[in-house]
């Protein structure tokens, strides 16, 4: 039994094609270039959509600031600073409480996504992995 297995394995030697390594390497390089181009377009569109979403989000943020009364609390600091100094702790808590936190978080997250996609897009272009 063992002799038959030895004969079988010696007959079944695998011999690769001519230039197999070059063809395999070329296929890997082409795949990497396609993936880099795909990532570039994905990051580009994410950046464009986040920038487009930032415009209405800033409008919403400013309207939320106006509705919350934050501007009135800030103007109080410039009109009557003596009253503010005597009740500084309550004034700071009122300022923080009047902040529209959800709008601020959404605006900053859109800005963060835009800058991250801009960073990754420029990194893809700078690496010169893409052949246009």
N, C-alpha and C. Protein backbone atom coordinates (compact mmCIF):
# COMPACT_ATOMS: atom_id res chain seq x y z
N UNK A 1 0.82 -1.20 0.00
CA UNK A 1 0.00 0.00 0.00
C UNK A 1 0.86 1.26 0.00
N UNK A 2 1.90 1.22 0.84
CA UNK A 2 2.77 2.38 0.94
C UNK A 2 3.53 2.61 -0.36
N UNK A 3 3.92 1.52 -1.01
CA UNK A 3 4.66 1.65 -2.27
C UNK A 3 3.78 2.26 -3.35
N UNK A 4 2.51 1.90 -3.35
CA UNK A 4 1.60 2.46 -4.34
C UNK A 4 1.42 3.97 -4.12
N UNK A 5 1.32 4.37 -2.86
CA UNK A 5 1.19 5.80 -2.56
C UNK A 5 2.45 6.56 -2.96
N UNK A 6 3.60 5.99 -2.73
CA UNK A 6 4.85 6.66 -3.11
C UNK A 6 4.91 6.80 -4.63
N UNK A 7 4.54 5.76 -5.38
CA UNK A 7 4.53 5.83 -6.84
C UNK A 7 3.54 6.90 -7.32
N UNK A 8 2.38 6.92 -6.68
CA UNK A 8 1.35 7.87 -7.08
C UNK A 8 1.81 9.30 -6.86
N UNK A 9 2.42 9.59 -5.71
CA UNK A 9 2.87 10.95 -5.42
C UNK A 9 4.07 11.36 -6.28
N UNK A 10 4.92 10.43 -6.64
CA UNK A 10 6.05 10.78 -7.51
C UNK A 10 5.59 11.04 -8.93
N UNK A 11 4.55 10.35 -9.39
CA UNK A 11 4.02 10.59 -10.73
C UNK A 11 3.24 11.90 -10.81
N UNK A 12 2.63 12.28 -9.71
CA UNK A 12 1.74 13.45 -9.70
C UNK A 12 2.47 14.73 -9.31
N UNK A 13 3.68 14.90 -9.75
CA UNK A 13 4.39 16.15 -9.47
C UNK A 13 3.69 17.29 -10.18
N UNK A 14 3.55 18.38 -9.45
CA UNK A 14 2.89 19.56 -10.02
C UNK A 14 3.95 20.45 -10.65
N UNK A 15 3.78 20.75 -11.90
CA UNK A 15 4.68 21.66 -12.58
C UNK A 15 3.85 22.85 -13.06
N UNK A 16 4.14 24.03 -12.53
CA UNK A 16 3.34 25.20 -12.92
C UNK A 16 3.62 25.62 -14.36
N UNK A 17 2.74 26.47 -14.85
CA UNK A 17 2.87 26.99 -16.21
C UNK A 17 4.13 27.85 -16.32
N UNK A 18 4.50 28.12 -17.53
CA UNK A 18 5.63 29.01 -17.78
C UNK A 18 5.19 30.43 -17.42
N UNK A 19 6.03 31.18 -16.74
CA UNK A 19 5.77 32.56 -16.31
C UNK A 19 4.56 32.66 -15.39
N UNK A 20 4.31 31.63 -14.62
CA UNK A 20 3.17 31.64 -13.71
C UNK A 20 3.32 32.72 -12.65
N UNK A 21 4.54 32.92 -12.13
CA UNK A 21 4.76 33.92 -11.09
C UNK A 21 4.47 35.32 -11.61
N UNK A 22 4.89 35.60 -12.84
CA UNK A 22 4.63 36.92 -13.41
C UNK A 22 3.15 37.16 -13.62
N UNK A 23 2.46 36.15 -14.11
CA UNK A 23 1.02 36.29 -14.33
C UNK A 23 0.28 36.49 -13.01
N UNK A 24 0.69 35.75 -12.00
CA UNK A 24 0.05 35.89 -10.68
C UNK A 24 0.33 37.27 -10.10
N UNK A 25 1.57 37.73 -10.22
CA UNK A 25 1.91 39.05 -9.69
C UNK A 25 1.17 40.15 -10.44
N UNK A 26 1.07 40.01 -11.75
CA UNK A 26 0.35 41.00 -12.55
C UNK A 26 -1.12 41.03 -12.13
N UNK A 27 -1.72 39.88 -11.87
CA UNK A 27 -3.11 39.83 -11.44
C UNK A 27 -3.29 40.50 -10.08
N UNK A 28 -2.34 40.31 -9.19
CA UNK A 28 -2.41 40.95 -7.87
C UNK A 28 -2.29 42.46 -8.01
N UNK A 29 -1.38 42.93 -8.86
CA UNK A 29 -1.19 44.38 -9.05
C UNK A 29 -2.44 45.00 -9.67
N UNK A 30 -3.01 44.35 -10.66
CA UNK A 30 -4.22 44.88 -11.28
C UNK A 30 -5.37 44.93 -10.27
N UNK A 31 -5.49 43.90 -9.46
CA UNK A 31 -6.54 43.88 -8.43
C UNK A 31 -6.32 45.01 -7.42
N UNK A 32 -5.09 45.23 -7.01
CA UNK A 32 -4.80 46.31 -6.06
C UNK A 32 -5.13 47.67 -6.65
N UNK A 33 -4.83 47.86 -7.94
CA UNK A 33 -5.15 49.14 -8.59
C UNK A 33 -6.66 49.35 -8.67
N UNK A 34 -7.38 48.28 -8.97
CA UNK A 34 -8.84 48.40 -9.03
C UNK A 34 -9.42 48.71 -7.65
N UNK A 35 -8.88 48.08 -6.63
CA UNK A 35 -9.36 48.35 -5.27
C UNK A 35 -9.03 49.77 -4.84
N UNK A 36 -7.85 50.27 -5.22
CA UNK A 36 -7.47 51.63 -4.88
C UNK A 36 -8.39 52.63 -5.58
N UNK A 37 -8.71 52.36 -6.83
CA UNK A 37 -9.63 53.24 -7.56
C UNK A 37 -11.03 53.19 -6.96
N UNK A 38 -11.47 52.01 -6.58
CA UNK A 38 -12.78 51.85 -5.94
C UNK A 38 -12.82 52.62 -4.62
N UNK A 39 -11.77 52.49 -3.81
CA UNK A 39 -11.72 53.21 -2.54
C UNK A 39 -11.68 54.71 -2.75
N UNK A 40 -10.96 55.15 -3.79
CA UNK A 40 -10.92 56.58 -4.07
C UNK A 40 -12.31 57.12 -4.37
N UNK A 41 -13.06 56.41 -5.19
CA UNK A 41 -14.41 56.88 -5.53
C UNK A 41 -15.35 56.80 -4.34
N UNK A 42 -15.22 55.78 -3.53
CA UNK A 42 -16.06 55.67 -2.33
C UNK A 42 -15.79 56.83 -1.39
N UNK A 43 -14.51 57.10 -1.10
CA UNK A 43 -14.17 58.21 -0.21
C UNK A 43 -14.58 59.55 -0.81
N UNK A 44 -14.46 59.69 -2.12
CA UNK A 44 -14.86 60.93 -2.79
C UNK A 44 -16.36 61.17 -2.62
N UNK A 45 -17.17 60.14 -2.88
CA UNK A 45 -18.62 60.31 -2.76
C UNK A 45 -19.05 60.51 -1.31
N UNK A 46 -18.40 59.85 -0.39
CA UNK A 46 -18.72 60.08 1.03
C UNK A 46 -18.42 61.52 1.41
N UNK A 47 -17.30 62.04 0.93
CA UNK A 47 -16.95 63.44 1.19
C UNK A 47 -17.94 64.41 0.58
N UNK A 48 -18.35 64.14 -0.65
CA UNK A 48 -19.32 65.02 -1.32
C UNK A 48 -20.66 64.99 -0.59
N UNK A 49 -21.12 63.80 -0.21
CA UNK A 49 -22.41 63.71 0.48
C UNK A 49 -22.36 64.35 1.87
N UNK A 50 -21.24 64.20 2.57
CA UNK A 50 -21.15 64.84 3.88
C UNK A 50 -21.07 66.35 3.75
N UNK A 51 -20.40 66.84 2.71
CA UNK A 51 -20.35 68.29 2.48
C UNK A 51 -21.71 68.82 2.09
N UNK A 52 -22.43 68.05 1.27
CA UNK A 52 -23.78 68.47 0.88
C UNK A 52 -24.74 68.43 2.08
N UNK A 53 -24.56 67.48 2.97
CA UNK A 53 -25.40 67.41 4.16
C UNK A 53 -25.04 68.44 5.20
N UNK A 54 -23.84 68.98 5.10
CA UNK A 54 -23.40 69.97 6.08
C UNK A 54 -24.11 71.31 5.89
N UNK A 55 -24.46 71.65 4.66
CA UNK A 55 -25.12 72.93 4.39
C UNK A 55 -26.47 73.02 5.11
N UNK A 56 -27.38 72.07 4.95
CA UNK A 56 -28.64 72.19 5.70
C UNK A 56 -28.45 71.99 7.20
N UNK A 57 -27.42 71.22 7.58
CA UNK A 57 -27.20 70.99 9.01
C UNK A 57 -26.75 72.27 9.70
N UNK A 58 -25.96 73.08 9.03
CA UNK A 58 -25.54 74.37 9.61
C UNK A 58 -26.73 75.30 9.75
N UNK A 59 -27.62 75.29 8.77
CA UNK A 59 -28.84 76.10 8.87
C UNK A 59 -29.69 75.65 10.07
N UNK A 60 -29.82 74.35 10.23
CA UNK A 60 -30.58 73.81 11.37
C UNK A 60 -29.90 74.18 12.68
N UNK A 61 -28.56 74.12 12.70
CA UNK A 61 -27.82 74.47 13.91
C UNK A 61 -28.05 75.92 14.30
N UNK A 62 -27.99 76.83 13.34
CA UNK A 62 -28.21 78.24 13.65
C UNK A 62 -29.65 78.51 14.10
N UNK A 63 -30.61 77.83 13.49
CA UNK A 63 -32.00 78.03 13.94
C UNK A 63 -32.22 77.44 15.33
N UNK A 64 -31.55 76.32 15.65
CA UNK A 64 -31.65 75.77 17.00
C UNK A 64 -31.01 76.68 18.04
N UNK A 65 -29.89 77.31 17.67
CA UNK A 65 -29.29 78.29 18.58
C UNK A 65 -30.25 79.44 18.85
N UNK A 66 -30.92 79.91 17.81
CA UNK A 66 -31.86 81.02 17.97
C UNK A 66 -33.06 80.61 18.82
N UNK A 67 -33.55 79.38 18.64
CA UNK A 67 -34.71 78.92 19.40
C UNK A 67 -34.38 78.63 20.86
N UNK A 68 -33.15 78.26 21.13
CA UNK A 68 -32.82 77.82 22.49
C UNK A 68 -32.59 78.99 23.46
N UNK A 69 -32.39 80.17 22.96
CA UNK A 69 -32.15 81.31 23.84
C UNK A 69 -30.69 81.48 24.22
N UNK A 70 -29.81 80.80 23.52
CA UNK A 70 -28.38 80.87 23.81
C UNK A 70 -27.85 82.28 23.59
N UNK A 71 -28.33 82.95 22.54
CA UNK A 71 -27.86 84.30 22.24
C UNK A 71 -28.25 85.28 23.36
N UNK A 72 -29.40 85.07 23.96
CA UNK A 72 -29.83 85.96 25.04
C UNK A 72 -28.92 85.80 26.26
N UNK A 73 -28.54 84.57 26.56
CA UNK A 73 -27.63 84.34 27.68
C UNK A 73 -26.25 84.94 27.41
N UNK A 74 -25.79 84.85 26.19
CA UNK A 74 -24.49 85.44 25.84
C UNK A 74 -24.56 86.96 25.91
N UNK A 75 -25.64 87.54 25.42
CA UNK A 75 -25.77 89.01 25.46
C UNK A 75 -25.87 89.52 26.90
N UNK A 76 -26.37 88.69 27.79
CA UNK A 76 -26.43 89.06 29.20
C UNK A 76 -25.03 89.24 29.79
N UNK A 77 -24.09 88.49 29.32
CA UNK A 77 -22.70 88.60 29.80
C UNK A 77 -22.10 89.95 29.44
N UNK A 78 -22.48 90.51 28.31
CA UNK A 78 -21.94 91.79 27.89
C UNK A 78 -22.70 92.98 28.47
N UNK A 79 -23.95 92.76 28.86
CA UNK A 79 -24.74 93.88 29.36
C UNK A 79 -24.62 94.06 30.88
N UNK A 80 -24.58 92.98 31.63
CA UNK A 80 -24.56 93.09 33.09
C UNK A 80 -23.55 92.08 33.65
N UNK A 81 -22.29 92.44 33.59
CA UNK A 81 -21.25 91.50 34.01
C UNK A 81 -21.19 91.37 35.54
N UNK A 82 -21.62 92.36 36.28
CA UNK A 82 -21.61 92.27 37.74
C UNK A 82 -22.57 91.20 38.24
N UNK A 83 -23.74 91.12 37.62
CA UNK A 83 -24.71 90.11 37.99
C UNK A 83 -24.19 88.71 37.64
N UNK A 84 -23.50 88.63 36.56
CA UNK A 84 -22.96 87.33 36.13
C UNK A 84 -21.87 86.86 37.10
N UNK A 85 -21.02 87.77 37.54
CA UNK A 85 -19.94 87.39 38.44
C UNK A 85 -20.48 86.91 39.79
N UNK A 86 -21.58 87.46 40.20
CA UNK A 86 -22.14 87.01 41.49
C UNK A 86 -22.82 85.65 41.37
N UNK A 87 -23.33 85.32 40.21
CA UNK A 87 -24.00 84.04 39.99
C UNK A 87 -23.35 83.29 38.83
N UNK A 88 -22.05 83.16 38.85
CA UNK A 88 -21.31 82.59 37.73
C UNK A 88 -21.68 81.12 37.49
N UNK A 89 -21.81 80.37 38.56
CA UNK A 89 -22.09 78.93 38.42
C UNK A 89 -23.44 78.71 37.74
N UNK A 90 -24.46 79.41 38.16
CA UNK A 90 -25.79 79.28 37.57
C UNK A 90 -25.79 79.77 36.13
N UNK A 91 -25.01 80.83 35.86
CA UNK A 91 -24.94 81.36 34.50
C UNK A 91 -24.30 80.34 33.55
N UNK A 92 -23.23 79.72 33.98
CA UNK A 92 -22.56 78.72 33.14
C UNK A 92 -23.47 77.52 32.92
N UNK A 93 -24.17 77.09 33.95
CA UNK A 93 -25.11 75.99 33.78
C UNK A 93 -26.24 76.36 32.82
N UNK A 94 -26.71 77.60 32.87
CA UNK A 94 -27.76 78.03 31.95
C UNK A 94 -27.24 78.06 30.51
N UNK A 95 -26.00 78.50 30.33
CA UNK A 95 -25.41 78.49 28.99
C UNK A 95 -25.30 77.07 28.44
N UNK A 96 -24.79 76.17 29.25
CA UNK A 96 -24.61 74.79 28.81
C UNK A 96 -25.96 74.13 28.54
N UNK A 97 -26.93 74.43 29.37
CA UNK A 97 -28.25 73.83 29.20
C UNK A 97 -28.95 74.34 27.94
N UNK A 98 -28.66 75.54 27.54
CA UNK A 98 -29.34 76.10 26.37
C UNK A 98 -28.65 75.71 25.05
N UNK A 99 -27.54 75.00 25.11
CA UNK A 99 -26.87 74.58 23.87
C UNK A 99 -27.67 73.48 23.18
N UNK A 100 -27.85 73.59 21.87
CA UNK A 100 -28.52 72.51 21.12
C UNK A 100 -27.52 71.39 20.81
N UNK A 101 -27.35 70.48 21.75
CA UNK A 101 -26.28 69.47 21.66
C UNK A 101 -26.45 68.51 20.48
N UNK A 102 -27.66 68.11 20.16
CA UNK A 102 -27.86 67.17 19.06
C UNK A 102 -27.42 67.80 17.74
N UNK A 103 -27.78 69.04 17.51
CA UNK A 103 -27.38 69.72 16.29
C UNK A 103 -25.87 69.93 16.24
N UNK A 104 -25.27 70.24 17.37
CA UNK A 104 -23.82 70.43 17.41
C UNK A 104 -23.10 69.11 17.11
N UNK A 105 -23.57 68.03 17.71
CA UNK A 105 -22.94 66.72 17.49
C UNK A 105 -23.09 66.29 16.04
N UNK A 106 -24.26 66.47 15.47
CA UNK A 106 -24.46 66.10 14.07
C UNK A 106 -23.60 66.94 13.13
N UNK A 107 -23.49 68.23 13.41
CA UNK A 107 -22.67 69.10 12.56
C UNK A 107 -21.20 68.71 12.65
N UNK A 108 -20.71 68.49 13.85
CA UNK A 108 -19.30 68.11 13.99
C UNK A 108 -19.03 66.73 13.43
N UNK A 109 -20.00 65.82 13.51
CA UNK A 109 -19.77 64.50 12.93
C UNK A 109 -19.71 64.58 11.41
N UNK A 110 -20.53 65.43 10.80
CA UNK A 110 -20.45 65.61 9.35
C UNK A 110 -19.13 66.26 8.95
N UNK A 111 -18.67 67.22 9.73
CA UNK A 111 -17.37 67.84 9.45
C UNK A 111 -16.26 66.81 9.59
N UNK A 112 -16.34 65.97 10.62
CA UNK A 112 -15.34 64.93 10.83
C UNK A 112 -15.31 63.94 9.66
N UNK A 113 -16.48 63.50 9.22
CA UNK A 113 -16.57 62.56 8.10
C UNK A 113 -16.01 63.20 6.83
N UNK A 114 -16.31 64.48 6.61
CA UNK A 114 -15.79 65.15 5.43
C UNK A 114 -14.26 65.21 5.45
N UNK A 115 -13.69 65.60 6.58
CA UNK A 115 -12.23 65.70 6.64
C UNK A 115 -11.55 64.34 6.58
N UNK A 116 -12.16 63.32 7.16
CA UNK A 116 -11.57 61.98 7.07
C UNK A 116 -11.61 61.46 5.62
N UNK A 117 -12.72 61.68 4.94
CA UNK A 117 -12.78 61.24 3.55
C UNK A 117 -11.84 62.06 2.67
N UNK A 118 -11.67 63.34 2.97
CA UNK A 118 -10.70 64.17 2.25
C UNK A 118 -9.29 63.66 2.49
N UNK A 119 -9.01 63.28 3.71
CA UNK A 119 -7.69 62.75 4.06
C UNK A 119 -7.40 61.46 3.30
N UNK A 120 -8.35 60.53 3.32
CA UNK A 120 -8.13 59.25 2.65
C UNK A 120 -8.08 59.40 1.13
N UNK A 121 -8.87 60.32 0.59
CA UNK A 121 -8.83 60.57 -0.85
C UNK A 121 -7.48 61.13 -1.26
N UNK A 122 -6.97 62.11 -0.53
CA UNK A 122 -5.66 62.66 -0.87
C UNK A 122 -4.56 61.65 -0.64
N UNK A 123 -4.71 60.80 0.36
CA UNK A 123 -3.71 59.76 0.61
C UNK A 123 -3.66 58.79 -0.57
N UNK A 124 -4.82 58.45 -1.12
CA UNK A 124 -4.85 57.56 -2.28
C UNK A 124 -4.19 58.22 -3.49
N UNK A 125 -4.43 59.51 -3.67
CA UNK A 125 -3.85 60.21 -4.81
C UNK A 125 -2.35 60.40 -4.63
N UNK A 126 -1.91 60.76 -3.43
CA UNK A 126 -0.49 61.00 -3.16
C UNK A 126 0.32 59.73 -3.29
N UNK A 127 -0.22 58.61 -2.87
CA UNK A 127 0.51 57.34 -2.98
C UNK A 127 0.78 56.96 -4.42
N UNK A 128 0.06 57.61 -5.33
CA UNK A 128 0.24 57.38 -6.76
C UNK A 128 0.00 55.92 -7.11
N UNK A 129 -1.00 55.34 -6.47
CA UNK A 129 -1.36 53.97 -6.78
C UNK A 129 -2.29 53.90 -7.98
N UNK A 130 -2.81 55.04 -8.35
CA UNK A 130 -3.80 55.05 -9.41
C UNK A 130 -3.16 55.46 -10.73
N UNK A 131 -3.56 54.80 -11.77
CA UNK A 131 -3.07 55.19 -13.09
C UNK A 131 -4.26 55.73 -13.87
N UNK A 132 -4.27 57.02 -14.05
CA UNK A 132 -5.37 57.66 -14.75
C UNK A 132 -5.10 57.69 -16.23
